[in-house]
C-alpha atoms as a PDB file:
ATOM      1  CA  MET A   1      91.553 101.844 113.813  1.00  0.00           C
ATOM      2  CA  GLU A   2      87.993 102.037 115.089  1.00  0.00           C
ATOM      3  CA  SER A   3      85.188 101.480 112.598  1.00  0.00           C
ATOM      4  CA  PHE A   4      83.909 105.044 113.112  1.00  0.00           C
ATOM      5  CA  ASP A   5      87.322 106.462 112.247  1.00  0.00           C
ATOM      6  CA  PHE A   6      87.494 104.310 109.130  1.00  0.00           C
ATOM      7  CA  GLU A   7      83.955 105.247 108.120  1.00  0.00           C
ATOM      8  CA  THR A   8      84.911 108.898 108.520  1.00  0.00           C
ATOM      9  CA  LYS A   9      88.093 108.365 106.515  1.00  0.00           C
ATOM     10  CA  THR A  10      86.182 106.789 103.616  1.00  0.00           C
ATOM     11  CA  PHE A  11      83.530 109.518 103.762  1.00  0.00           C
ATOM     12  CA  ILE A  12      86.166 112.255 103.582  1.00  0.00           C
ATOM     13  CA  PHE A  13      87.805 110.381 100.705  1.00  0.00           C
ATOM     14  CA  ALA A  14      84.461 110.341  98.866  1.00  0.00           C
ATOM     15  CA  VAL A  15      84.099 114.096  99.352  1.00  0.00           C
ATOM     16  CA  ARG A  16      87.601 114.623  97.943  1.00  0.00           C
ATOM     17  CA  ILE A  17      86.752 112.416  94.935  1.00  0.00           C
ATOM     18  CA  VAL A  18      83.641 114.506  94.239  1.00  0.00           C
ATOM     19  CA  GLU A  19      85.627 117.744  94.494  1.00  0.00           C
ATOM     20  CA  PHE A  20      88.360 116.398  92.212  1.00  0.00           C
ATOM     21  CA  SER A  21      85.767 115.198  89.717  1.00  0.00           C
ATOM     22  CA  LYS A  22      84.436 118.741  89.444  1.00  0.00           C
ATOM     23  CA  LEU A  23      87.838 119.722  88.022  1.00  0.00           C
ATOM     24  CA  LEU A  24      87.587 116.951  85.440  1.00  0.00           C
ATOM     25  CA  ILE A  25      84.121 118.012  84.358  1.00  0.00           C
ATOM     26  CA  SER A  26      85.437 121.497  83.688  1.00  0.00           C
ATOM     27  CA  GLU A  27      88.173 119.895  81.582  1.00  0.00           C
ATOM     28  CA  ARG A  28      85.697 117.859  79.472  1.00  0.00           C
ATOM     29  CA  GLN A  29      86.494 114.531  81.104  1.00  0.00           C
ATOM     30  CA  GLY A  30      82.878 113.870  82.049  1.00  0.00           C
ATOM     31  CA  ILE A  31      82.826 110.119  81.368  1.00  0.00           C
ATOM     32  CA  LEU A  32      85.909 109.434  83.462  1.00  0.00           C
ATOM     33  CA  SER A  33      84.610 111.771  86.127  1.00  0.00           C
ATOM     34  CA  ARG A  34      81.323 109.871  86.448  1.00  0.00           C
ATOM     35  CA  GLN A  35      83.114 106.523  86.686  1.00  0.00           C
ATOM     36  CA  LEU A  36      85.459 107.900  89.345  1.00  0.00           C
ATOM     37  CA  ILE A  37      82.608 109.390  91.383  1.00  0.00           C
ATOM     38  CA  ARG A  38      80.596 106.162  91.250  1.00  0.00           C
ATOM     39  CA  ALA A  39      83.484 103.970  92.384  1.00  0.00           C
ATOM     40  CA  GLY A  40      85.080 106.441  94.803  1.00  0.00           C
ATOM     41  CA  THR A  41      81.888 107.222  96.688  1.00  0.00           C
ATOM     42  CA  SER A  42      80.800 103.583  96.808  1.00  0.00           C
ATOM     43  CA  ILE A  43      83.775 102.649  98.998  1.00  0.00           C
ATOM     44  CA  GLY A  44      82.518 104.495 102.054  1.00  0.00           C
ATOM     45  CA  TYR A  45      78.913 103.491 101.489  1.00  0.00           C
ATOM     46  CA  ASN A  46      79.812  99.799 101.524  1.00  0.00           C
ATOM     47  CA  VAL A  47      82.022 100.242 104.597  1.00  0.00           C
ATOM     48  CA  LYS A  48      79.090 101.914 106.349  1.00  0.00           C
ATOM     49  CA  GLU A  49      76.683  99.215 105.188  1.00  0.00           C
ATOM     50  CA  ALA A  50      79.059  96.527 106.484  1.00  0.00           C
ATOM     51  CA  GLN A  51      78.635  97.949 109.992  1.00  0.00           C
ATOM     52  CA  SER A  52      74.997  96.812 109.864  1.00  0.00           C
ATOM     53  CA  ALA A  53      75.757  93.408 108.370  1.00  0.00           C
ATOM     54  CA  GLU A  54      73.481  90.550 109.339  1.00  0.00           C
ATOM     55  CA  SER A  55      76.363  88.120 109.841  1.00  0.00           C
ATOM     56  CA  LYS A  56      80.145  87.903 109.638  1.00  0.00           C
ATOM     57  CA  ASP A  57      79.806  86.448 106.140  1.00  0.00           C
ATOM     58  CA  ASP A  58      77.618  89.398 105.130  1.00  0.00           C
ATOM     59  CA  PHE A  59      80.188  91.769 106.675  1.00  0.00           C
ATOM     60  CA  ILE A  60      82.973  90.146 104.658  1.00  0.00           C
ATOM     61  CA  HIS A  61      80.849  90.341 101.506  1.00  0.00           C
ATOM     62  CA  LYS A  62      80.166  94.067 101.931  1.00  0.00           C
ATOM     63  CA  MET A  63      83.799  94.810 102.749  1.00  0.00           C
ATOM     64  CA  SER A  64      84.810  92.797  99.671  1.00  0.00           C
ATOM     65  CA  ILE A  65      82.583  95.018  97.543  1.00  0.00           C
ATOM     66  CA  SER A  66      84.300  98.016  99.084  1.00  0.00           C
ATOM     67  CA  GLN A  67      87.660  96.451  98.206  1.00  0.00           C
ATOM     68  CA  LYS A  68      86.603  96.037  94.576  1.00  0.00           C
ATOM     69  CA  GLU A  69      85.361  99.631  94.429  1.00  0.00           C
ATOM     70  CA  THR A  70      88.688 100.817  95.844  1.00  0.00           C
ATOM     71  CA  ASP A  71      90.536  98.824  93.177  1.00  0.00           C
ATOM     72  CA  GLU A  72      88.324 100.404  90.521  1.00  0.00           C
ATOM     73  CA  THR A  73      88.907 103.886  91.946  1.00  0.00           C
ATOM     74  CA  ILE A  74      92.656 103.322  91.756  1.00  0.00           C
ATOM     75  CA  TYR A  75      92.257 102.203  88.139  1.00  0.00           C
ATOM     76  CA  TRP A  76      90.355 105.363  87.165  1.00  0.00           C
ATOM     77  CA  LEU A  77      92.823 107.599  88.981  1.00  0.00           C
ATOM     78  CA  GLU A  78      95.726 105.917  87.184  1.00  0.00           C
ATOM     79  CA  LEU A  79      93.965 106.271  83.842  1.00  0.00           C
ATOM     80  CA  ILE A  80      93.207 109.924  84.482  1.00  0.00           C
ATOM     81  CA  SER A  81      96.824 110.514  85.492  1.00  0.00           C
ATOM     82  CA  THR A  82      97.919 109.516  81.986  1.00  0.00           C
ATOM     83  CA  THR A  83      95.602 112.017  80.303  1.00  0.00           C
ATOM     84  CA  GLU A  84      95.423 114.914  82.756  1.00  0.00           C
ATOM     85  CA  VAL A  85      98.994 115.654  83.817  1.00  0.00           C
ATOM     86  CA  GLU A  86      98.076 119.081  85.177  1.00  0.00           C
ATOM     87  CA  PHE A  87      96.239 117.348  88.039  1.00  0.00           C
ATOM     88  CA  MET A  88      99.122 115.067  89.057  1.00  0.00           C
ATOM     89  CA  GLN A  89      99.498 116.456  92.575  1.00  0.00           C
ATOM     90  CA  GLU A  90      95.826 115.889  93.387  1.00  0.00           C
ATOM     91  CA  ILE A  91      95.867 112.467  91.763  1.00  0.00           C
ATOM     92  CA  GLU A  92      98.962 111.379  93.690  1.00  0.00           C
ATOM     93  CA  LEU A  93      97.337 112.380  96.995  1.00  0.00           C
ATOM     94  CA  LEU A  94      94.118 110.556  96.117  1.00  0.00           C
ATOM     95  CA  LEU A  95      96.061 107.468  95.005  1.00  0.00           C
ATOM     96  CA  ALA A  96      98.022 107.427  98.259  1.00  0.00           C
ATOM     97  CA  ASP A  97      94.794 107.591 100.263  1.00  0.00           C
ATOM     98  CA  ALA A  98      93.088 104.975  98.078  1.00  0.00           C
ATOM     99  CA  ASN A  99      96.013 102.588  98.526  1.00  0.00           C
ATOM    100  CA  GLU A 100      95.939 103.133 102.293  1.00  0.00           C
ATOM    101  CA  ILE A 101      92.184 102.472 102.350  1.00  0.00           C
ATOM    102  CA  LEU A 102      92.718  99.334 100.274  1.00  0.00           C
ATOM    103  CA  LYS A 103      95.318  98.014 102.744  1.00  0.00           C
ATOM    104  CA  ILE A 104      92.982  98.665 105.677  1.00  0.00           C
ATOM    105  CA  ILE A 105      90.071  96.917 103.949  1.00  0.00           C
ATOM    106  CA  LYS A 106      92.229  93.892 103.111  1.00  0.00           C
ATOM    107  CA  THR A 107      93.384  93.703 106.730  1.00  0.00           C
ATOM    108  CA  ILE A 108      89.819  93.952 108.034  1.00  0.00           C
ATOM    109  CA  ILE A 109      88.672  91.168 105.690  1.00  0.00           C
ATOM    110  CA  SER A 110      91.635  88.959 106.554  1.00  0.00           C
ATOM    111  CA  ASP A 111      91.227  89.464 110.313  1.00  0.00           C
ATOM    112  CA  THR A 112      87.486  88.805 110.120  1.00  0.00           C
ATOM    113  CA  LYS A 113      88.066  85.571 108.189  1.00  0.00           C
ATOM    114  CA  LYS A 114      90.665  84.450 110.754  1.00  0.00           C
ATOM    115  CA  ASN A 115      88.237  85.203 113.592  1.00  0.00           C
ATOM    116  CA  LEU A 116      85.527  83.238 111.797  1.00  0.00           C
ATOM    117  CA  LYS A 117      87.800  80.183 111.539  1.00  0.00           C
ATOM    118  CA  THR A 118      88.887  80.513 115.161  1.00  0.00           C
ATOM    119  CA  ASN A 119      85.316  80.713 116.416  1.00  0.00           C
ATOM    120  CA  SER A 120      84.086  77.803 114.257  1.00  0.00           C
END
């Protein structure tokens, strides 16, 4: 997957997180909504920032931050799923996308580390 496609994917995911969070706000889940928005929108930002990294180590660092934010997003979605069962369909779709994004990020980090070792 090209970096532009992945950047677009994480941007679209962030938009979906914001839209979903609007539902939570209307259901008085403001605290969880804010946490979800912060983590879910940070994924794409860090992926985008990684594209301008100053070195491979910096790239890995920024992608690692994105990985942590994806993990946190999954956590919040799972927590919300236990308290907001009426949103299960939306949550399941977001979780599926978040898990796919997480796998891609882990692969990118792993491949970059392998390339670093090969070129050393």
